[in-house]
Amino acid sequence: MCVCSPLVLAGADLEYIHQTKYLGVLLKASRQFKCSFDQAKIKFCHSFNAMCYRAKNASSELVCVQLLKSICMPVLLYAVEVTTY
């Protein structure tokens, strides 16, 4: 294993961390880019389930689709901003 010299910013050593959260996505330390969308998926499922429970008596499927687009999709789209391919 290679030992690297510490990174210094404004005269202070920067602490090495194994993971950090950015835009709701967990970025992991690795030789290659790695991230975990688990929390974003959990938040999406939570908002979807809450929306379905509250809209169970909705008279139209279009109402449910519009609610999905306006409430649940932003949760996933916010997390997608981390990866730009």
C-alpha atoms as a PDB file:
ATOM      1  CA  MET A   1       0.000   0.000   0.000  1.00  0.00           C
ATOM      2  CA  CYS A   2       1.301   3.417  -0.946  1.00  0.00           C
ATOM      3  CA  VAL A   3       1.630   6.122   1.710  1.00  0.00           C
ATOM      4  CA  CYS A   4       0.885   9.602   0.398  1.00  0.00           C
ATOM      5  CA  SER A   5       1.860  12.890   1.934  1.00  0.00           C
ATOM      6  CA  PRO A   6      -1.039  14.787   3.513  1.00  0.00           C
ATOM      7  CA  LEU A   7      -2.889  17.422   1.537  1.00  0.00           C
ATOM      8  CA  VAL A   8      -2.438  20.918   2.922  1.00  0.00           C
ATOM      9  CA  LEU A   9      -4.848  23.832   2.513  1.00  0.00           C
ATOM     10  CA  ALA A  10      -4.056  27.229   4.043  1.00  0.00           C
ATOM     11  CA  GLY A  11      -1.383  25.646   6.226  1.00  0.00           C
ATOM     12  CA  ALA A  12      -3.698  23.003   7.698  1.00  0.00           C
ATOM     13  CA  ASP A  13      -3.709  19.302   6.879  1.00  0.00           C
ATOM     14  CA  LEU A  14      -6.916  18.089   5.209  1.00  0.00           C
ATOM     15  CA  GLU A  15      -8.517  15.052   6.803  1.00  0.00           C
ATOM     16  CA  TYR A  16      -8.912  11.969   4.596  1.00  0.00           C
ATOM     17  CA  ILE A  17     -12.459  10.628   4.560  1.00  0.00           C
ATOM     18  CA  HIS A  18     -13.833   7.484   2.959  1.00  0.00           C
ATOM     19  CA  GLN A  19     -17.160   8.941   1.858  1.00  0.00           C
ATOM     20  CA  THR A  20     -19.047  12.211   1.694  1.00  0.00           C
ATOM     21  CA  LYS A  21     -22.557  13.253   0.810  1.00  0.00           C
ATOM     22  CA  TYR A  22     -23.136  15.568  -2.163  1.00  0.00           C
ATOM     23  CA  LEU A  23     -26.592  16.416  -3.539  1.00  0.00           C
ATOM     24  CA  GLY A  24     -28.081  13.512  -1.618  1.00  0.00           C
ATOM     25  CA  VAL A  25     -25.653  10.975  -3.101  1.00  0.00           C
ATOM     26  CA  LEU A  26     -22.874   9.260  -1.201  1.00  0.00           C
ATOM     27  CA  LEU A  27     -19.509   9.694  -2.982  1.00  0.00           C
ATOM     28  CA  LYS A  28     -17.029   6.985  -2.036  1.00  0.00           C
ATOM     29  CA  ALA A  29     -13.233   7.106  -1.991  1.00  0.00           C
ATOM     30  CA  SER A  30     -11.842   4.821  -4.659  1.00  0.00           C
ATOM     31  CA  ARG A  31      -9.399   4.670  -7.547  1.00  0.00           C
ATOM     32  CA  GLN A  32     -12.415   5.016  -9.855  1.00  0.00           C
ATOM     33  CA  PHE A  33     -15.512   7.185  -9.489  1.00  0.00           C
ATOM     34  CA  LYS A  34     -17.978   5.428  -7.181  1.00  0.00           C
ATOM     35  CA  CYS A  35     -21.194   6.686  -5.711  1.00  0.00           C
ATOM     36  CA  SER A  36     -24.172   5.217  -3.913  1.00  0.00           C
ATOM     37  CA  PHE A  37     -27.720   6.205  -4.836  1.00  0.00           C
ATOM     38  CA  ASP A  38     -29.264   4.087  -2.075  1.00  0.00           C
ATOM     39  CA  GLN A  39     -30.493   7.051  -0.017  1.00  0.00           C
ATOM     40  CA  ALA A  40     -31.957   8.740  -3.110  1.00  0.00           C
ATOM     41  CA  LYS A  41     -33.805   5.530  -4.029  1.00  0.00           C
ATOM     42  CA  ILE A  42     -35.134   5.198  -0.482  1.00  0.00           C
ATOM     43  CA  LYS A  43     -36.371   8.809  -0.537  1.00  0.00           C
ATOM     44  CA  PHE A  44     -38.019   8.207  -3.925  1.00  0.00           C
ATOM     45  CA  CYS A  45     -39.794   5.086  -2.659  1.00  0.00           C
ATOM     46  CA  HIS A  46     -40.874   6.894   0.495  1.00  0.00           C
ATOM     47  CA  SER A  47     -42.353   9.824  -1.442  1.00  0.00           C
ATOM     48  CA  PHE A  48     -43.970   7.469  -3.986  1.00  0.00           C
ATOM     49  CA  ASN A  49     -45.579   5.349  -1.278  1.00  0.00           C
ATOM     50  CA  ALA A  50     -46.807   8.430   0.582  1.00  0.00           C
ATOM     51  CA  MET A  51     -48.242   9.868  -2.640  1.00  0.00           C
ATOM     52  CA  CYS A  52     -49.987   6.594  -3.540  1.00  0.00           C
ATOM     53  CA  TYR A  53     -51.470   6.304  -0.066  1.00  0.00           C
ATOM     54  CA  ARG A  54     -52.870   9.834  -0.168  1.00  0.00           C
ATOM     55  CA  ALA A  55     -54.089   9.531  -3.767  1.00  0.00           C
ATOM     56  CA  LYS A  56     -55.706   6.109  -3.440  1.00  0.00           C
ATOM     57  CA  ASN A  57     -59.147   7.663  -3.897  1.00  0.00           C
ATOM     58  CA  ALA A  58     -58.112   9.780  -6.878  1.00  0.00           C
ATOM     59  CA  SER A  59     -60.637   9.549  -9.675  1.00  0.00           C
ATOM     60  CA  SER A  60     -58.105   9.734 -12.499  1.00  0.00           C
ATOM     61  CA  GLU A  61     -54.846   8.002 -13.311  1.00  0.00           C
ATOM     62  CA  LEU A  62     -53.659  11.275 -14.871  1.00  0.00           C
ATOM     63  CA  VAL A  63     -53.771  12.869 -11.428  1.00  0.00           C
ATOM     64  CA  CYS A  64     -51.495  10.132 -10.078  1.00  0.00           C
ATOM     65  CA  VAL A  65     -49.080  10.493 -12.999  1.00  0.00           C
ATOM     66  CA  GLN A  66     -48.932  14.271 -12.530  1.00  0.00           C
ATOM     67  CA  LEU A  67     -48.284  13.817  -8.809  1.00  0.00           C
ATOM     68  CA  LEU A  68     -45.530  11.318  -9.598  1.00  0.00           C
ATOM     69  CA  LYS A  69     -43.883  13.807 -11.966  1.00  0.00           C
ATOM     70  CA  SER A  70     -44.148  16.744  -9.583  1.00  0.00           C
ATOM     71  CA  ILE A  71     -43.393  15.050  -6.232  1.00  0.00           C
ATOM     72  CA  CYS A  72     -41.345  11.888  -6.781  1.00  0.00           C
ATOM     73  CA  MET A  73     -39.271  12.526  -9.894  1.00  0.00           C
ATOM     74  CA  PRO A  74     -37.453  15.609  -8.518  1.00  0.00           C
ATOM     75  CA  VAL A  75     -36.000  13.394  -5.784  1.00  0.00           C
ATOM     76  CA  LEU A  76     -34.263  11.210  -8.380  1.00  0.00           C
ATOM     77  CA  LEU A  77     -33.424  14.021 -10.775  1.00  0.00           C
ATOM     78  CA  TYR A  78     -31.713  15.970  -7.991  1.00  0.00           C
ATOM     79  CA  ALA A  79     -29.425  13.012  -7.333  1.00  0.00           C
ATOM     80  CA  VAL A  80     -28.660  12.488 -11.032  1.00  0.00           C
ATOM     81  CA  GLU A  81     -26.908  15.878 -11.180  1.00  0.00           C
ATOM     82  CA  VAL A  82     -23.932  14.246  -9.448  1.00  0.00           C
ATOM     83  CA  THR A  83     -23.135  12.100 -12.472  1.00  0.00           C
ATOM     84  CA  THR A  84     -22.801  13.885 -15.786  1.00  0.00           C
ATOM     85  CA  TYR A  85     -22.182  11.487 -18.632  1.00  0.00           C
END
